[in-house]
């Protein structure tokens, strides 16, 4: 199956997703209304996303994968940008915490001796 990558996907998004493969969330589409979809994640949570890419034929019941850090949605044979709809302050705090967790730790430099 050939994968189509939407023109809205930036190279840095693909790089982030590739370097953090365990961050993908799997789920099923429970509602699809134009450019907004709701996904029931396998963890039991739900997330509503705004699909930024071209109109994708996403149907209710379709399995999808969402990468919240890279803001990518993998559905059918397309990879496109999808952002959380209706973000709250708590969502922003949670997203910032996830980004900090995924950041590589800095190497501590040893003290220089003269």
PDB file of N, CA and C in Angstrom:
ATOM      1  N   UNK A   1       0.846  -1.170   0.000  1.00  0.00           N
ATOM      2  CA  UNK A   1       0.000   0.000   0.000  1.00  0.00           C
ATOM      3  C   UNK A   1       0.891   1.232   0.000  1.00  0.00           C
ATOM      4  N   UNK A   2       0.609   2.132  -0.881  1.00  0.00           N
ATOM      5  CA  UNK A   2       1.407   3.350  -0.927  1.00  0.00           C
ATOM      6  C   UNK A   2       0.829   4.377   0.037  1.00  0.00           C
ATOM      7  N   UNK A   3       1.694   5.109   0.695  1.00  0.00           N
ATOM      8  CA  UNK A   3       1.268   6.095   1.675  1.00  0.00           C
ATOM      9  C   UNK A   3       1.376   7.470   1.057  1.00  0.00           C
ATOM     10  N   UNK A   4       0.286   8.247   1.118  1.00  0.00           N
ATOM     11  CA  UNK A   4       0.283   9.619   0.648  1.00  0.00           C
ATOM     12  C   UNK A   4       0.554  10.521   1.837  1.00  0.00           C
ATOM     13  N   UNK A   5       1.485  11.439   1.687  1.00  0.00           N
ATOM     14  CA  UNK A   5       1.791  12.395   2.749  1.00  0.00           C
ATOM     15  C   UNK A   5       1.253  13.749   2.323  1.00  0.00           C
ATOM     16  N   UNK A   6       0.371  14.303   3.137  1.00  0.00           N
ATOM     17  CA  UNK A   6      -0.251  15.589   2.845  1.00  0.00           C
ATOM     18  C   UNK A   6       0.793  16.688   2.758  1.00  0.00           C
ATOM     19  N   UNK A   7       0.494  17.687   1.950  1.00  0.00           N
ATOM     20  CA  UNK A   7       1.402  18.830   1.806  1.00  0.00           C
ATOM     21  C   UNK A   7       1.461  19.674   3.078  1.00  0.00           C
ATOM     22  N   UNK A   8       0.539  19.451   4.028  1.00  0.00           N
ATOM     23  CA  UNK A   8       0.551  20.208   5.277  1.00  0.00           C
ATOM     24  C   UNK A   8       1.536  19.637   6.292  1.00  0.00           C
ATOM     25  N   UNK A   9       2.083  18.451   6.013  1.00  0.00           N
ATOM     26  CA  UNK A   9       3.030  17.819   6.930  1.00  0.00           C
ATOM     27  C   UNK A   9       4.425  18.382   6.667  1.00  0.00           C
ATOM     28  N   UNK A  10       5.016  18.975   7.704  1.00  0.00           N
ATOM     29  CA  UNK A  10       6.348  19.546   7.605  1.00  0.00           C
ATOM     30  C   UNK A  10       7.396  18.470   7.893  1.00  0.00           C
ATOM     31  N   UNK A  11       8.575  18.601   7.337  1.00  0.00           N
ATOM     32  CA  UNK A  11       9.634  17.618   7.598  1.00  0.00           C
ATOM     33  C   UNK A  11       9.933  17.436   9.082  1.00  0.00           C
ATOM     34  N   UNK A  12       9.848  18.496   9.873  1.00  0.00           N
ATOM     35  CA  UNK A  12      10.137  18.376  11.310  1.00  0.00           C
ATOM     36  C   UNK A  12       9.086  17.512  11.997  1.00  0.00           C
ATOM     37  N   UNK A  13       7.825  17.550  11.519  1.00  0.00           N
ATOM     38  CA  UNK A  13       6.787  16.694  12.090  1.00  0.00           C
ATOM     39  C   UNK A  13       7.115  15.224  11.835  1.00  0.00           C
ATOM     40  N   UNK A  14       7.539  14.916  10.627  1.00  0.00           N
ATOM     41  CA  UNK A  14       7.899  13.540  10.298  1.00  0.00           C
ATOM     42  C   UNK A  14       9.096  13.086  11.124  1.00  0.00           C
ATOM     43  N   UNK A  15      10.046  13.989  11.316  1.00  0.00           N
ATOM     44  CA  UNK A  15      11.234  13.680  12.114  1.00  0.00           C
ATOM     45  C   UNK A  15      10.854  13.414  13.574  1.00  0.00           C
ATOM     46  N   UNK A  16       9.968  14.245  14.123  1.00  0.00           N
ATOM     47  CA  UNK A  16       9.520  14.067  15.511  1.00  0.00           C
ATOM     48  C   UNK A  16       8.805  12.734  15.681  1.00  0.00           C
ATOM     49  N   UNK A  17       7.944  12.392  14.733  1.00  0.00           N
ATOM     50  CA  UNK A  17       7.209  11.133  14.817  1.00  0.00           C
ATOM     51  C   UNK A  17       8.152   9.943  14.705  1.00  0.00           C
ATOM     52  N   UNK A  18       9.140  10.048  13.825  1.00  0.00           N
ATOM     53  CA  UNK A  18      10.089   8.954  13.642  1.00  0.00           C
ATOM     54  C   UNK A  18      10.988   8.765  14.861  1.00  0.00           C
ATOM     55  N   UNK A  19      11.332   9.879  15.527  1.00  0.00           N
ATOM     56  CA  UNK A  19      12.216   9.779  16.681  1.00  0.00           C
ATOM     57  C   UNK A  19      11.474   9.425  17.969  1.00  0.00           C
ATOM     58  N   UNK A  20      10.144   9.478  17.944  1.00  0.00           N
ATOM     59  CA  UNK A  20       9.327   9.129  19.109  1.00  0.00           C
ATOM     60  C   UNK A  20       8.216   8.163  18.707  1.00  0.00           C
ATOM     61  N   UNK A  21       8.566   6.965  18.257  1.00  0.00           N
ATOM     62  CA  UNK A  21       7.537   6.053  17.754  1.00  0.00           C
ATOM     63  C   UNK A  21       6.567   5.571  18.824  1.00  0.00           C
ATOM     64  N   UNK A  22       6.955   5.594  20.082  1.00  0.00           N
ATOM     65  CA  UNK A  22       6.054   5.110  21.139  1.00  0.00           C
ATOM     66  C   UNK A  22       4.996   6.149  21.523  1.00  0.00           C
ATOM     67  N   UNK A  23       5.066   7.334  20.948  1.00  0.00           N
ATOM     68  CA  UNK A  23       4.098   8.380  21.286  1.00  0.00           C
ATOM     69  C   UNK A  23       2.798   8.289  20.480  1.00  0.00           C
ATOM     70  N   UNK A  24       2.730   7.387  19.495  1.00  0.00           N
ATOM     71  CA  UNK A  24       1.502   7.247  18.706  1.00  0.00           C
ATOM     72  C   UNK A  24       0.389   6.705  19.579  1.00  0.00           C
ATOM     73  N   UNK A  25      -0.823   7.259  19.411  1.00  0.00           N
ATOM     74  CA  UNK A  25      -2.017   6.788  20.116  1.00  0.00           C
ATOM     75  C   UNK A  25      -2.926   6.125  19.089  1.00  0.00           C
ATOM     76  N   UNK A  26      -3.334   4.893  19.334  1.00  0.00           N
ATOM     77  CA  UNK A  26      -4.229   4.183  18.426  1.00  0.00           C
ATOM     78  C   UNK A  26      -5.666   4.339  18.888  1.00  0.00           C
ATOM     79  N   UNK A  27      -6.580   4.385  17.934  1.00  0.00           N
ATOM     80  CA  UNK A  27      -7.983   4.507  18.292  1.00  0.00           C
ATOM     81  C   UNK A  27      -8.898   4.288  17.103  1.00  0.00           C
ATOM     82  N   UNK A  28     -10.179   4.461  17.351  1.00  0.00           N
ATOM     83  CA  UNK A  28     -11.208   4.324  16.327  1.00  0.00           C
ATOM     84  C   UNK A  28     -11.974   5.632  16.208  1.00  0.00           C
ATOM     85  N   UNK A  29     -12.302   6.014  15.001  1.00  0.00           N
ATOM     86  CA  UNK A  29     -13.064   7.240  14.767  1.00  0.00           C
ATOM     87  C   UNK A  29     -14.502   7.002  15.227  1.00  0.00           C
ATOM     88  N   UNK A  30     -14.984   7.872  16.112  1.00  0.00           N
ATOM     89  CA  UNK A  30     -16.363   7.758  16.593  1.00  0.00           C
ATOM     90  C   UNK A  30     -17.274   8.809  15.975  1.00  0.00           C
ATOM     91  N   UNK A  31     -16.686   9.883  15.459  1.00  0.00           N
ATOM     92  CA  UNK A  31     -17.474  10.940  14.818  1.00  0.00           C
ATOM     93  C   UNK A  31     -16.598  11.628  13.784  1.00  0.00           C
ATOM     94  N   UNK A  32     -17.147  11.837  12.612  1.00  0.00           N
ATOM     95  CA  UNK A  32     -16.417  12.529  11.544  1.00  0.00           C
ATOM     96  C   UNK A  32     -17.362  13.545  10.928  1.00  0.00           C
ATOM     97  N   UNK A  33     -17.034  14.826  11.140  1.00  0.00           N
ATOM     98  CA  UNK A  33     -17.886  15.904  10.651  1.00  0.00           C
ATOM     99  C   UNK A  33     -17.026  16.900   9.891  1.00  0.00           C
ATOM    100  N   UNK A  34     -16.852  16.687   8.621  1.00  0.00           N
ATOM    101  CA  UNK A  34     -16.015  17.588   7.826  1.00  0.00           C
ATOM    102  C   UNK A  34     -14.565  17.475   8.230  1.00  0.00           C
ATOM    103  N   UNK A  35     -13.983  18.580   8.677  1.00  0.00           N
ATOM    104  CA  UNK A  35     -12.574  18.608   9.042  1.00  0.00           C
ATOM    105  C   UNK A  35     -12.335  18.302  10.519  1.00  0.00           C
ATOM    106  N   UNK A  36     -13.381  17.959  11.260  1.00  0.00           N
ATOM    107  CA  UNK A  36     -13.247  17.629  12.676  1.00  0.00           C
ATOM    108  C   UNK A  36     -13.619  16.170  12.888  1.00  0.00           C
ATOM    109  N   UNK A  37     -12.759  15.452  13.613  1.00  0.00           N
ATOM    110  CA  UNK A  37     -13.060  14.061  13.932  1.00  0.00           C
ATOM    111  C   UNK A  37     -12.869  13.826  15.421  1.00  0.00           C
ATOM    112  N   UNK A  38     -13.584  12.855  15.953  1.00  0.00           N
ATOM    113  CA  UNK A  38     -13.424  12.444  17.344  1.00  0.00           C
ATOM    114  C   UNK A  38     -12.942  11.001  17.330  1.00  0.00           C
ATOM    115  N   UNK A  39     -11.928  10.741  18.150  1.00  0.00           N
ATOM    116  CA  UNK A  39     -11.325   9.413  18.206  1.00  0.00           C
ATOM    117  C   UNK A  39     -11.482   8.855  19.618  1.00  0.00           C
ATOM    118  N   UNK A  40     -11.939   7.617  19.708  1.00  0.00           N
ATOM    119  CA  UNK A  40     -11.942   6.882  20.973  1.00  0.00           C
ATOM    120  C   UNK A  40     -10.623   6.125  21.021  1.00  0.00           C
ATOM    121  N   UNK A  41      -9.748   6.557  21.908  1.00  0.00           N
ATOM    122  CA  UNK A  41      -8.427   5.944  22.004  1.00  0.00           C
ATOM    123  C   UNK A  41      -8.514   4.602  22.715  1.00  0.00           C
ATOM    124  N   UNK A  42      -7.580   3.726  22.429  1.00  0.00           N
ATOM    125  CA  UNK A  42      -7.568   2.412  23.064  1.00  0.00           C
ATOM    126  C   UNK A  42      -7.341   2.523  24.569  1.00  0.00           C
ATOM    127  N   UNK A  43      -6.815   3.653  25.023  1.00  0.00           N
ATOM    128  CA  UNK A  43      -6.603   3.883  26.458  1.00  0.00           C
ATOM    129  C   UNK A  43      -7.906   4.204  27.173  1.00  0.00           C
ATOM    130  N   UNK A  44      -8.987   4.444  26.409  1.00  0.00           N
ATOM    131  CA  UNK A  44     -10.281   4.772  27.002  1.00  0.00           C
ATOM    132  C   UNK A  44     -10.630   6.248  26.900  1.00  0.00           C
ATOM    133  N   UNK A  45      -9.657   7.089  26.620  1.00  0.00           N
ATOM    134  CA  UNK A  45      -9.903   8.531  26.479  1.00  0.00           C
ATOM    135  C   UNK A  45     -10.441   8.835  25.084  1.00  0.00           C
ATOM    136  N   UNK A  46     -10.982  10.036  24.933  1.00  0.00           N
ATOM    137  CA  UNK A  46     -11.397  10.496  23.606  1.00  0.00           C
ATOM    138  C   UNK A  46     -10.680  11.795  23.301  1.00  0.00           C
ATOM    139  N   UNK A  47     -10.453  12.035  22.037  1.00  0.00           N
ATOM    140  CA  UNK A  47      -9.795  13.265  21.606  1.00  0.00           C
ATOM    141  C   UNK A  47     -10.492  13.752  20.341  1.00  0.00           C
ATOM    142  N   UNK A  48     -10.733  15.060  20.282  1.00  0.00           N
ATOM    143  CA  UNK A  48     -11.327  15.671  19.102  1.00  0.00           C
ATOM    144  C   UNK A  48     -10.229  16.415  18.369  1.00  0.00           C
ATOM    145  N   UNK A  49     -10.117  16.129  17.071  1.00  0.00           N
ATOM    146  CA  UNK A  49      -9.048  16.702  16.264  1.00  0.00           C
ATOM    147  C   UNK A  49      -9.604  17.503  15.105  1.00  0.00           C
ATOM    148  N   UNK A  50      -8.866  18.542  14.747  1.00  0.00           N
ATOM    149  CA  UNK A  50      -9.146  19.334  13.556  1.00  0.00           C
ATOM    150  C   UNK A  50      -8.141  18.900  12.503  1.00  0.00           C
ATOM    151  N   UNK A  51      -8.622  18.277  11.435  1.00  0.00           N
ATOM    152  CA  UNK A  51      -7.736  17.808  10.374  1.00  0.00           C
ATOM    153  C   UNK A  51      -7.378  19.007   9.506  1.00  0.00           C
ATOM    154  N   UNK A  52      -6.087  19.303   9.404  1.00  0.00           N
ATOM    155  CA  UNK A  52      -5.621  20.493   8.704  1.00  0.00           C
ATOM    156  C   UNK A  52      -5.362  20.218   7.225  1.00  0.00           C
ATOM    157  N   UNK A  53      -5.081  18.977   6.896  1.00  0.00           N
ATOM    158  CA  UNK A  53      -4.752  18.614   5.521  1.00  0.00           C
ATOM    159  C   UNK A  53      -5.958  18.650   4.608  1.00  0.00           C
ATOM    160  N   UNK A  54      -5.766  18.160   3.405  1.00  0.00           N
ATOM    161  CA  UNK A  54      -6.869  18.126   2.447  1.00  0.00           C
ATOM    162  C   UNK A  54      -7.997  17.236   2.967  1.00  0.00           C
ATOM    163  N   UNK A  55      -9.173  17.439   2.418  1.00  0.00           N
ATOM    164  CA  UNK A  55     -10.328  16.663   2.860  1.00  0.00           C
ATOM    165  C   UNK A  55     -10.027  15.177   2.705  1.00  0.00           C
ATOM    166  N   UNK A  56     -10.008  14.504   3.811  1.00  0.00           N
ATOM    167  CA  UNK A  56      -9.712  13.084   3.834  1.00  0.00           C
ATOM    168  C   UNK A  56     -11.024  12.350   4.072  1.00  0.00           C
ATOM    169  N   UNK A  57     -11.198  11.270   3.376  1.00  0.00           N
ATOM    170  CA  UNK A  57     -12.414  10.487   3.537  1.00  0.00           C
ATOM    171  C   UNK A  57     -12.283   9.580   4.754  1.00  0.00           C
ATOM    172  N   UNK A  58     -12.409  10.151   5.936  1.00  0.00           N
ATOM    173  CA  UNK A  58     -12.317   9.384   7.177  1.00  0.00           C
ATOM    174  C   UNK A  58     -13.737   9.027   7.593  1.00  0.00           C
ATOM    175  N   UNK A  59     -13.963   7.750   7.850  1.00  0.00           N
ATOM    176  CA  UNK A  59     -15.300   7.296   8.194  1.00  0.00           C
ATOM    177  C   UNK A  59     -15.364   6.831   9.639  1.00  0.00           C
ATOM    178  N   UNK A  60     -16.551   6.867  10.208  1.00  0.00           N
ATOM    179  CA  UNK A  60     -16.772   6.394  11.569  1.00  0.00           C
ATOM    180  C   UNK A  60     -16.436   4.904  11.617  1.00  0.00           C
ATOM    181  N   UNK A  61     -15.711   4.514  12.665  1.00  0.00           N
ATOM    182  CA  UNK A  61     -15.302   3.129  12.833  1.00  0.00           C
ATOM    183  C   UNK A  61     -13.930   2.819  12.267  1.00  0.00           C
ATOM    184  N   UNK A  62     -13.353   3.763  11.548  1.00  0.00           N
ATOM    185  CA  UNK A  62     -12.047   3.538  10.925  1.00  0.00           C
ATOM    186  C   UNK A  62     -10.931   3.585  11.968  1.00  0.00           C
ATOM    187  N   UNK A  63      -9.984   2.644  11.913  1.00  0.00           N
ATOM    188  CA  UNK A  63      -8.837   2.706  12.826  1.00  0.00           C
ATOM    189  C   UNK A  63      -7.862   3.787  12.368  1.00  0.00           C
ATOM    190  N   UNK A  64      -7.363   4.556  13.327  1.00  0.00           N
ATOM    191  CA  UNK A  64      -6.419   5.634  13.035  1.00  0.00           C
ATOM    192  C   UNK A  64      -5.334   5.639  14.104  1.00  0.00           C
ATOM    193  N   UNK A  65      -4.273   6.381  13.829  1.00  0.00           N
ATOM    194  CA  UNK A  65      -3.213   6.607  14.812  1.00  0.00           C
ATOM    195  C   UNK A  65      -2.933   8.101  14.845  1.00  0.00           C
ATOM    196  N   UNK A  66      -2.781   8.645  16.060  1.00  0.00           N
ATOM    197  CA  UNK A  66      -2.541  10.077  16.245  1.00  0.00           C
ATOM    198  C   UNK A  66      -1.263  10.263  17.053  1.00  0.00           C
ATOM    199  N   UNK A  67      -0.402  11.141  16.582  1.00  0.00           N
ATOM    200  CA  UNK A  67       0.840  11.475  17.285  1.00  0.00           C
ATOM    201  C   UNK A  67       0.651  12.889  17.850  1.00  0.00           C
ATOM    202  N   UNK A  68       0.359  13.018  19.154  1.00  0.00           N
ATOM    203  CA  UNK A  68       0.038  14.333  19.724  1.00  0.00           C
ATOM    204  C   UNK A  68       1.196  15.320  19.736  1.00  0.00           C
ATOM    205  N   UNK A  69       2.412  14.838  19.814  1.00  0.00           N
ATOM    206  CA  UNK A  69       3.559  15.745  19.856  1.00  0.00           C
ATOM    207  C   UNK A  69       3.839  16.305  18.460  1.00  0.00           C
ATOM    208  N   UNK A  70       3.828  15.427  17.466  1.00  0.00           N
ATOM    209  CA  UNK A  70       4.092  15.857  16.094  1.00  0.00           C
ATOM    210  C   UNK A  70       2.837  16.384  15.405  1.00  0.00           C
ATOM    211  N   UNK A  71       1.681  16.224  16.038  1.00  0.00           N
ATOM    212  CA  UNK A  71       0.381  16.638  15.483  1.00  0.00           C
ATOM    213  C   UNK A  71       0.142  15.992  14.121  1.00  0.00           C
ATOM    214  N   UNK A  72       0.291  14.663  14.075  1.00  0.00           N
ATOM    215  CA  UNK A  72       0.078  13.904  12.850  1.00  0.00           C
ATOM    216  C   UNK A  72      -1.053  12.907  13.040  1.00  0.00           C
ATOM    217  N   UNK A  73      -1.809  12.694  11.985  1.00  0.00           N
ATOM    218  CA  UNK A  73      -2.876  11.705  11.974  1.00  0.00           C
ATOM    219  C   UNK A  73      -2.614  10.745  10.815  1.00  0.00           C
ATOM    220  N   UNK A  74      -2.585   9.473  11.126  1.00  0.00           N
ATOM    221  CA  UNK A  74      -2.422   8.448  10.102  1.00  0.00           C
ATOM    222  C   UNK A  74      -3.758   7.737   9.958  1.00  0.00           C
ATOM    223  N   UNK A  75      -4.362   7.889   8.790  1.00  0.00           N
ATOM    224  CA  UNK A  75      -5.660   7.269   8.526  1.00  0.00           C
ATOM    225  C   UNK A  75      -5.673   6.742   7.108  1.00  0.00           C
ATOM    226  N   UNK A  76      -6.218   5.550   6.935  1.00  0.00           N
ATOM    227  CA  UNK A  76      -6.259   4.908   5.610  1.00  0.00           C
ATOM    228  C   UNK A  76      -4.856   4.895   5.029  1.00  0.00           C
ATOM    229  N   UNK A  77      -4.680   5.547   3.915  1.00  0.00           N
ATOM    230  CA  UNK A  77      -3.372   5.567   3.264  1.00  0.00           C
ATOM    231  C   UNK A  77      -2.802   6.975   3.240  1.00  0.00           C
ATOM    232  N   UNK A  78      -3.179   7.806   4.227  1.00  0.00           N
ATOM    233  CA  UNK A  78      -2.698   9.191   4.231  1.00  0.00           C
ATOM    234  C   UNK A  78      -2.122   9.559   5.594  1.00  0.00           C
ATOM    235  N   UNK A  79      -1.117  10.389   5.578  1.00  0.00           N
ATOM    236  CA  UNK A  79      -0.535  10.985   6.774  1.00  0.00           C
ATOM    237  C   UNK A  79      -0.756  12.477   6.645  1.00  0.00           C
ATOM    238  N   UNK A  80      -1.465  13.065   7.600  1.00  0.00           N
ATOM    239  CA  UNK A  80      -1.800  14.485   7.513  1.00  0.00           C
ATOM    240  C   UNK A  80      -1.662  15.160   8.865  1.00  0.00           C
ATOM    241  N   UNK A  81      -1.684  16.474   8.861  1.00  0.00           N
ATOM    242  CA  UNK A  81      -1.610  17.251  10.095  1.00  0.00           C
ATOM    243  C   UNK A  81      -2.985  17.292  10.753  1.00  0.00           C
ATOM    244  N   UNK A  82      -3.005  17.096  12.067  1.00  0.00           N
ATOM    245  CA  UNK A  82      -4.253  17.170  12.830  1.00  0.00           C
ATOM    246  C   UNK A  82      -3.939  17.783  14.184  1.00  0.00           C
ATOM    247  N   UNK A  83      -4.683  18.788  14.536  1.00  0.00           N
ATOM    248  CA  UNK A  83      -4.457  19.484  15.810  1.00  0.00           C
ATOM    249  C   UNK A  83      -5.652  19.295  16.719  1.00  0.00           C
ATOM    250  N   UNK A  84      -5.380  19.275  18.014  1.00  0.00           N
ATOM    251  CA  UNK A  84      -6.447  19.115  18.992  1.00  0.00           C
ATOM    252  C   UNK A  84      -7.407  20.288  18.884  1.00  0.00           C
ATOM    253  N   UNK A  85      -8.685  19.983  18.771  1.00  0.00           N
ATOM    254  CA  UNK A  85      -9.709  21.022  18.709  1.00  0.00           C
ATOM    255  C   UNK A  85     -10.077  21.424  20.132  1.00  0.00           C
ATOM    256  N   UNK A  86     -10.407  22.683  20.334  1.00  0.00           N
ATOM    257  CA  UNK A  86     -10.867  23.186  21.636  1.00  0.00           C
ATOM    258  C   UNK A  86      -9.880  22.909  22.767  1.00  0.00           C
ATOM    259  N   UNK A  87      -8.663  23.333  22.593  1.00  0.00           N
ATOM    260  CA  UNK A  87      -7.662  23.145  23.646  1.00  0.00           C
ATOM    261  C   UNK A  87      -7.970  24.032  24.837  1.00  0.00           C
ATOM    262  N   UNK A  88      -7.779  23.488  26.031  1.00  0.00           N
ATOM    263  CA  UNK A  88      -7.955  24.251  27.259  1.00  0.00           C
ATOM    264  C   UNK A  88      -6.581  24.515  27.861  1.00  0.00           C
ATOM    265  N   UNK A  89      -6.542  25.288  28.917  1.00  0.00           N
ATOM    266  CA  UNK A  89      -5.271  25.571  29.591  1.00  0.00           C
ATOM    267  C   UNK A  89      -4.667  24.275  30.129  1.00  0.00           C
ATOM    268  N   UNK A  90      -5.504  23.364  30.619  1.00  0.00           N
ATOM    269  CA  UNK A  90      -5.002  22.077  31.126  1.00  0.00           C
ATOM    270  C   UNK A  90      -4.382  21.266  29.997  1.00  0.00           C
ATOM    271  N   UNK A  91      -4.994  21.315  28.804  1.00  0.00           N
ATOM    272  CA  UNK A  91      -4.441  20.605  27.651  1.00  0.00           C
ATOM    273  C   UNK A  91      -3.075  21.166  27.287  1.00  0.00           C
ATOM    274  N   UNK A  92      -2.946  22.492  27.307  1.00  0.00           N
ATOM    275  CA  UNK A  92      -1.675  23.127  26.978  1.00  0.00           C
ATOM    276  C   UNK A  92      -0.598  22.722  27.976  1.00  0.00           C
ATOM    277  N   UNK A  93      -0.943  22.679  29.268  1.00  0.00           N
ATOM    278  CA  UNK A  93       0.011  22.275  30.296  1.00  0.00           C
ATOM    279  C   UNK A  93       0.426  20.834  30.084  1.00  0.00           C
ATOM    280  N   UNK A  94      -0.541  19.974  29.776  1.00  0.00           N
ATOM    281  CA  UNK A  94      -0.263  18.565  29.531  1.00  0.00           C
ATOM    282  C   UNK A  94       0.621  18.391  28.302  1.00  0.00           C
ATOM    283  N   UNK A  95       0.344  19.141  27.241  1.00  0.00           N
ATOM    284  CA  UNK A  95       1.147  19.056  26.016  1.00  0.00           C
ATOM    285  C   UNK A  95       2.579  19.513  26.287  1.00  0.00           C
ATOM    286  N   UNK A  96       2.729  20.570  27.076  1.00  0.00           N
ATOM    287  CA  UNK A  96       4.072  21.062  27.408  1.00  0.00           C
ATOM    288  C   UNK A  96       4.831  20.019  28.220  1.00  0.00           C
ATOM    289  N   UNK A  97       4.138  19.345  29.128  1.00  0.00           N
ATOM    290  CA  UNK A  97       4.783  18.302  29.932  1.00  0.00           C
ATOM    291  C   UNK A  97       5.226  17.146  29.046  1.00  0.00           C
ATOM    292  N   UNK A  98       4.395  16.755  28.066  1.00  0.00           N
ATOM    293  CA  UNK A  98       4.769  15.679  27.147  1.00  0.00           C
ATOM    294  C   UNK A  98       5.992  16.063  26.327  1.00  0.00           C
ATOM    295  N   UNK A  99       6.033  17.324  25.888  1.00  0.00           N
ATOM    296  CA  UNK A  99       7.188  17.768  25.107  1.00  0.00           C
ATOM    297  C   UNK A  99       8.464  17.716  25.948  1.00  0.00           C
ATOM    298  N   UNK A 100       8.354  18.110  27.233  1.00  0.00           N
ATOM    299  CA  UNK A 100       9.523  18.066  28.116  1.00  0.00           C
ATOM    300  C   UNK A 100       9.987  16.626  28.316  1.00  0.00           C
ATOM    301  N   UNK A 101       9.029  15.683  28.451  1.00  0.00           N
ATOM    302  CA  UNK A 101       9.386  14.277  28.648  1.00  0.00           C
ATOM    303  C   UNK A 101      10.121  13.718  27.441  1.00  0.00           C
ATOM    304  N   UNK A 102       9.753  14.177  26.248  1.00  0.00           N
ATOM    305  CA  UNK A 102      10.347  13.646  25.034  1.00  0.00           C
ATOM    306  C   UNK A 102      11.656  14.321  24.656  1.00  0.00           C
ATOM    307  N   UNK A 103      11.961  15.438  25.312  1.00  0.00           N
ATOM    308  CA  UNK A 103      13.205  16.143  25.032  1.00  0.00           C
ATOM    309  C   UNK A 103      14.389  15.323  25.509  1.00  0.00           C
ATOM    310  N   UNK A 104      15.430  15.252  24.711  1.00  0.00           N
ATOM    311  CA  UNK A 104      16.620  14.512  25.181  1.00  0.00           C
ATOM    312  C   UNK A 104      17.245  15.219  26.373  1.00  0.00           C
ATOM    313  N   UNK A 105      17.748  14.433  27.295  1.00  0.00           N
ATOM    314  CA  UNK A 105      18.383  15.034  28.469  1.00  0.00           C
ATOM    315  C   UNK A 105      19.724  15.605  28.062  1.00  0.00           C
ATOM    316  N   UNK A 106      20.063  16.729  28.649  1.00  0.00           N
ATOM    317  CA  UNK A 106      21.352  17.345  28.320  1.00  0.00           C
ATOM    318  C   UNK A 106      22.456  16.632  29.081  1.00  0.00           C
ATOM    319  N   UNK A 107      23.585  16.568  28.447  1.00  0.00           N
ATOM    320  CA  UNK A 107      24.723  15.921  29.085  1.00  0.00           C
ATOM    321  C   UNK A 107      25.354  16.892  30.067  1.00  0.00           C
ATOM    322  N   UNK A 108      25.613  16.394  31.233  1.00  0.00           N
ATOM    323  CA  UNK A 108      26.245  17.283  32.212  1.00  0.00           C
ATOM    324  C   UNK A 108      27.734  17.336  31.910  1.00  0.00           C
ATOM    325  N   UNK A 109      28.229  18.506  31.883  1.00  0.00           N
ATOM    326  CA  UNK A 109      29.657  18.667  31.586  1.00  0.00           C
ATOM    327  C   UNK A 109      30.440  18.551  32.883  1.00  0.00           C
ATOM    328  N   UNK A 110      31.528  17.887  32.790  1.00  0.00           N
ATOM    329  CA  UNK A 110      32.360  17.743  33.975  1.00  0.00           C
ATOM    330  C   UNK A 110      33.114  19.041  34.213  1.00  0.00           C
ATOM    331  N   UNK A 111      33.349  19.350  35.472  1.00  0.00           N
ATOM    332  CA  UNK A 111      34.065  20.592  35.756  1.00  0.00           C
ATOM    333  C   UNK A 111      35.461  20.554  35.174  1.00  0.00           C
ATOM    334  N   UNK A 112      35.850  21.674  34.655  1.00  0.00           N
ATOM    335  CA  UNK A 112      37.180  21.770  34.063  1.00  0.00           C
ATOM    336  C   UNK A 112      38.226  21.940  35.158  1.00  0.00           C
ATOM    337  N   UNK A 113      39.304  21.289  34.945  1.00  0.00           N
ATOM    338  CA  UNK A 113      40.408  21.443  35.886  1.00  0.00           C
ATOM    339  C   UNK A 113      41.528  22.187  35.179  1.00  0.00           C
ATOM    340  N   UNK A 114      42.213  23.010  35.904  1.00  0.00           N
ATOM    341  CA  UNK A 114      43.294  23.799  35.310  1.00  0.00           C
ATOM    342  C   UNK A 114      44.587  23.102  35.388  1.00  0.00           C
TER     343      UNK A 114
END
